[in-house]
Amino acid sequence: MYNYYSEEEVEILREGGKKLAWIMNELEKFLKVGLEVDEIENKARELIKEVGAVAATVGYTPRGASFPFPSAVCTSINDGIAHGISKDNSRKLKSGDVVSLDIVIKYKGLFVDVCRTYPVGEVSKKDLKLIATARETTNAAIAAARVGNTTEDIGRAAEKTAREFGFDTIKELGGHGVGRKIHSEPFIPNAPNLNVPVVKIKEGMVLAIEPIVSAGD
């Protein structure tokens, strides 16, 4: 049911993760007021090609979806929680926007996945705190991902950290296994007590840990 990975595969994933981190850093520098979302898509595709990877979400049809996903990057703005379509999206970024970029690449046959959130222009103090809290929450969730702990421990750490800063986590979405597939078991909740399977973390698992932090409903 769950995928386990050899040290050789983990090294490929680490290498792919470093390349994806570089892509994200380049996109952060690229973001500016007035930029069309479709330009983010084009830039992401260019950078993914440059590192010798494949844009994994283009043409991917997740369970329950009615059509293949068309974008290399999910661009979600302000109250858009996740999975915003970037391709042929003429929306322009405004000063004060909070922009989340979520990318999965396939590198040497394995998938790596990351989402980061950035401010555009002059962003309110509350929104800057939200972004900082999301990073703190992700770090806490990663710290809880240890052999012998459970997926519930990850969700508990995420929710606890977000609430300490006056925010909360989105419960309907969460993390997942990753590596040989874009999405695989186990589901990783962003809070405890959600009536989802609780899975013990074992050596060799590869997890995409993705807390989503919200300022409201």
Protein backbone atom coordinates (compact mmCIF):
# COMPACT_ATOMS: atom_id res chain seq x y z
CA MET A 1 0.00 0.00 0.00
CA TYR A 2 2.82 2.40 0.84
CA ASN A 3 5.93 3.04 -1.23
CA TYR A 4 9.40 2.70 0.25
CA TYR A 5 12.56 4.03 -1.35
CA SER A 6 16.17 2.92 -1.54
CA GLU A 7 19.06 5.22 -0.65
CA GLU A 8 19.83 5.52 -4.37
CA GLU A 9 16.29 6.71 -5.06
CA VAL A 10 16.39 9.09 -2.10
CA GLU A 11 19.58 10.63 -3.50
CA ILE A 12 17.82 11.24 -6.84
CA LEU A 13 14.93 12.84 -4.96
CA ARG A 14 17.33 15.07 -3.02
CA GLU A 15 18.96 16.13 -6.27
CA GLY A 16 15.56 16.83 -7.84
CA GLY A 17 14.50 18.73 -4.74
CA LYS A 18 17.54 21.01 -4.97
CA LYS A 19 16.71 21.73 -8.61
CA LEU A 20 13.09 22.49 -7.71
CA ALA A 21 14.26 24.80 -4.90
CA TRP A 22 16.38 26.68 -7.45
CA ILE A 23 13.36 27.00 -9.75
CA MET A 24 11.32 28.44 -6.89
CA ASN A 25 14.04 30.94 -6.01
CA GLU A 26 14.15 32.10 -9.62
CA LEU A 27 10.35 32.46 -9.73
CA GLU A 28 10.39 34.48 -6.51
CA LYS A 29 12.74 36.98 -8.18
CA PHE A 30 10.49 36.99 -11.27
CA LEU A 31 7.26 37.96 -9.46
CA LYS A 32 6.26 41.63 -9.68
CA VAL A 33 3.24 43.89 -9.80
CA GLY A 34 1.57 43.79 -13.22
CA LEU A 35 2.86 40.34 -14.16
CA GLU A 36 0.26 38.11 -15.81
CA VAL A 37 -0.20 34.67 -14.27
CA ASP A 38 0.38 33.11 -17.70
CA GLU A 39 3.87 34.66 -17.68
CA ILE A 40 4.61 32.76 -14.46
CA GLU A 41 3.54 29.57 -16.24
CA ASN A 42 5.83 30.25 -19.20
CA LYS A 43 8.77 31.10 -16.95
CA ALA A 44 8.23 27.95 -14.86
CA ARG A 45 8.22 25.76 -17.97
CA GLU A 46 11.43 27.40 -19.16
CA LEU A 47 13.16 26.83 -15.81
CA ILE A 48 11.97 23.22 -15.51
CA LYS A 49 13.39 22.48 -18.95
CA GLU A 50 16.63 24.23 -18.03
CA VAL A 51 17.28 21.83 -15.12
CA GLY A 52 16.55 18.78 -17.25
CA ALA A 53 13.23 17.93 -15.61
CA VAL A 54 9.64 17.47 -16.79
CA ALA A 55 6.60 19.49 -15.70
CA ALA A 56 4.74 16.64 -14.03
CA THR A 57 1.29 18.18 -13.64
CA VAL A 58 0.76 19.06 -17.30
CA GLY A 59 -1.80 16.53 -18.54
CA TYR A 60 -2.15 14.90 -15.13
CA THR A 61 -5.71 13.91 -14.18
CA PRO A 62 -6.04 13.49 -10.41
CA ARG A 63 -8.69 11.26 -8.90
CA GLY A 64 -12.07 12.97 -9.09
CA ALA A 65 -11.00 15.54 -11.71
CA SER A 66 -13.07 15.90 -14.88
CA PHE A 67 -10.19 17.05 -17.12
CA PRO A 68 -6.38 16.85 -17.28
CA PHE A 69 -4.58 19.65 -15.45
CA PRO A 70 -3.10 22.06 -18.03
CA SER A 71 -0.43 23.89 -16.01
CA ALA A 72 3.18 23.35 -14.93
CA VAL A 73 2.64 25.56 -11.89
CA CYS A 74 -0.42 26.01 -9.68
CA THR A 75 -0.71 29.74 -8.98
CA SER A 76 -3.15 30.45 -6.14
CA ILE A 77 -3.74 34.08 -5.16
CA ASN A 78 -5.13 35.48 -1.88
CA ASP A 79 -8.21 33.42 -0.96
CA GLY A 80 -7.46 30.80 -3.61
CA ILE A 81 -6.38 27.86 -1.46
CA ALA A 82 -4.65 25.62 -4.01
CA HIS A 83 -4.49 24.26 -7.57
CA GLY A 84 -4.97 27.57 -9.39
CA ILE A 85 -4.61 27.15 -13.15
CA SER A 86 -1.86 29.32 -14.63
CA LYS A 87 -1.96 28.45 -18.33
CA ASP A 88 -3.70 31.14 -20.44
CA ASN A 89 -4.55 33.04 -17.25
CA SER A 90 -4.41 36.78 -17.98
CA ARG A 91 -4.97 37.90 -14.37
CA LYS A 92 -2.34 40.46 -13.36
CA LEU A 93 -0.63 40.49 -10.00
CA LYS A 94 -1.44 43.52 -7.85
CA SER A 95 0.44 45.11 -5.01
CA GLY A 96 -0.70 43.42 -1.81
CA ASP A 97 -1.34 40.02 -3.40
CA VAL A 98 -0.28 36.87 -1.58
CA VAL A 99 0.77 34.30 -4.19
CA SER A 100 1.33 30.58 -3.67
CA LEU A 101 3.26 28.65 -6.32
CA ASP A 102 2.99 24.84 -6.27
CA ILE A 103 5.14 22.78 -8.65
CA VAL A 104 5.77 19.08 -9.18
CA ILE A 105 8.66 18.03 -11.42
CA LYS A 106 9.71 14.62 -12.65
CA TYR A 107 13.47 14.22 -12.47
CA LYS A 108 15.29 11.02 -13.43
CA GLY A 109 12.00 9.15 -13.21
CA LEU A 110 10.96 10.37 -9.74
CA PHE A 111 8.62 13.14 -8.60
CA VAL A 112 9.34 16.00 -6.19
CA ASP A 113 6.74 18.51 -5.05
CA VAL A 114 6.94 21.90 -3.32
CA CYS A 115 4.74 24.91 -2.65
CA ARG A 116 5.93 28.32 -1.46
CA THR A 117 4.04 31.54 -0.78
CA TYR A 118 5.30 35.03 -1.62
CA PRO A 119 4.21 38.64 -1.13
CA VAL A 120 3.85 40.92 -4.15
CA GLY A 121 4.49 44.64 -3.74
CA GLU A 122 3.32 46.25 -0.49
CA VAL A 123 1.66 43.54 1.60
CA SER A 124 -0.15 44.12 4.91
CA LYS A 125 1.54 43.19 8.19
CA LYS A 126 -1.13 40.56 8.81
CA ASP A 127 -0.47 38.91 5.46
CA LEU A 128 3.29 38.97 6.01
CA LYS A 129 2.63 37.28 9.37
CA LEU A 130 0.45 34.71 7.58
CA ILE A 131 3.26 33.88 5.15
CA ALA A 132 5.82 33.62 7.96
CA THR A 133 3.44 31.43 9.96
CA ALA A 134 2.96 29.09 6.99
CA ARG A 135 6.73 28.55 6.87
CA GLU A 136 6.93 28.00 10.63
CA THR A 137 4.02 25.58 10.41
CA THR A 138 5.68 23.64 7.59
CA ASN A 139 8.94 23.44 9.56
CA ALA A 140 7.07 22.12 12.62
CA ALA A 141 5.24 19.53 10.52
CA ILE A 142 8.51 18.39 8.92
CA ALA A 143 10.11 18.08 12.36
CA ALA A 144 7.26 15.76 13.39
CA ALA A 145 7.88 13.49 10.40
CA ARG A 146 10.10 11.01 12.20
CA VAL A 147 10.27 7.22 12.17
CA GLY A 148 7.98 5.95 14.92
CA ASN A 149 5.67 8.97 14.81
CA THR A 150 2.41 8.93 12.85
CA THR A 151 0.80 11.04 10.15
CA GLU A 152 -1.51 12.32 12.91
CA ASP A 153 1.55 13.70 14.75
CA ILE A 154 2.41 15.72 11.64
CA GLY A 155 -1.10 17.18 11.49
CA ARG A 156 -1.10 17.93 15.20
CA ALA A 157 2.20 19.84 14.93
CA ALA A 158 0.90 21.81 11.96
CA GLU A 159 -2.37 22.88 13.58
CA LYS A 160 -0.73 23.67 16.94
CA THR A 161 1.87 25.93 15.33
CA ALA A 162 -0.61 27.79 13.13
CA ARG A 163 -2.91 28.43 16.09
CA GLU A 164 -0.05 29.69 18.24
CA PHE A 165 0.31 32.54 15.75
CA GLY A 166 -3.42 33.27 15.52
CA PHE A 167 -4.18 31.35 12.33
CA ASP A 168 -5.50 27.90 11.48
CA THR A 169 -4.89 25.09 8.97
CA ILE A 170 -7.13 24.06 6.09
CA LYS A 171 -8.54 20.65 6.93
CA GLU A 172 -9.93 19.53 3.56
CA LEU A 173 -6.51 19.25 1.88
CA GLY A 174 -3.25 17.76 3.06
CA GLY A 175 0.04 16.18 2.16
CA HIS A 176 0.68 12.80 0.61
CA GLY A 177 3.23 10.25 -0.38
CA VAL A 178 5.37 11.21 -3.37
CA GLY A 179 8.23 9.75 -5.38
CA ARG A 180 7.21 7.17 -7.95
CA LYS A 181 3.83 8.89 -8.32
CA ILE A 182 2.68 12.49 -7.95
CA HIS A 183 0.19 11.42 -5.30
CA SER A 184 0.29 8.22 -3.29
CA GLU A 185 -0.66 7.00 0.17
CA PRO A 186 -0.49 7.96 2.96
CA PHE A 187 -2.66 11.06 3.23
CA ILE A 188 -1.03 13.52 5.63
CA PRO A 189 -3.59 15.63 7.51
CA ASN A 190 -3.00 19.23 8.50
CA ALA A 191 -4.71 18.70 11.86
CA PRO A 192 -5.46 15.79 14.21
CA ASN A 193 -8.78 14.02 14.69
CA LEU A 194 -9.99 14.30 11.10
CA ASN A 195 -11.28 10.72 10.86
CA VAL A 196 -8.66 9.74 8.28
CA PRO A 197 -6.35 6.70 8.48
CA VAL A 198 -3.49 7.16 10.95
CA VAL A 199 -0.29 5.72 9.49
CA LYS A 200 2.93 4.99 11.35
CA ILE A 201 5.95 6.59 9.70
CA LYS A 202 8.58 4.07 8.65
CA GLU A 203 12.06 4.32 7.23
CA GLY A 204 12.08 4.62 3.44
CA MET A 205 8.84 6.59 3.08
CA VAL A 206 8.93 9.82 1.07
CA LEU A 207 6.33 12.41 2.05
CA ALA A 208 5.13 15.73 0.64
CA ILE A 209 4.22 17.70 3.76
CA GLU A 210 1.96 20.57 2.80
CA PRO A 211 0.25 22.53 5.59
CA ILE A 212 -2.06 25.24 4.26
CA VAL A 213 -2.51 28.13 6.69
CA SER A 214 -5.58 30.34 6.64
CA ALA A 215 -6.44 33.72 8.16
CA GLY A 216 -10.17 33.01 8.04
CA ASP A 217 -12.79 30.71 6.58
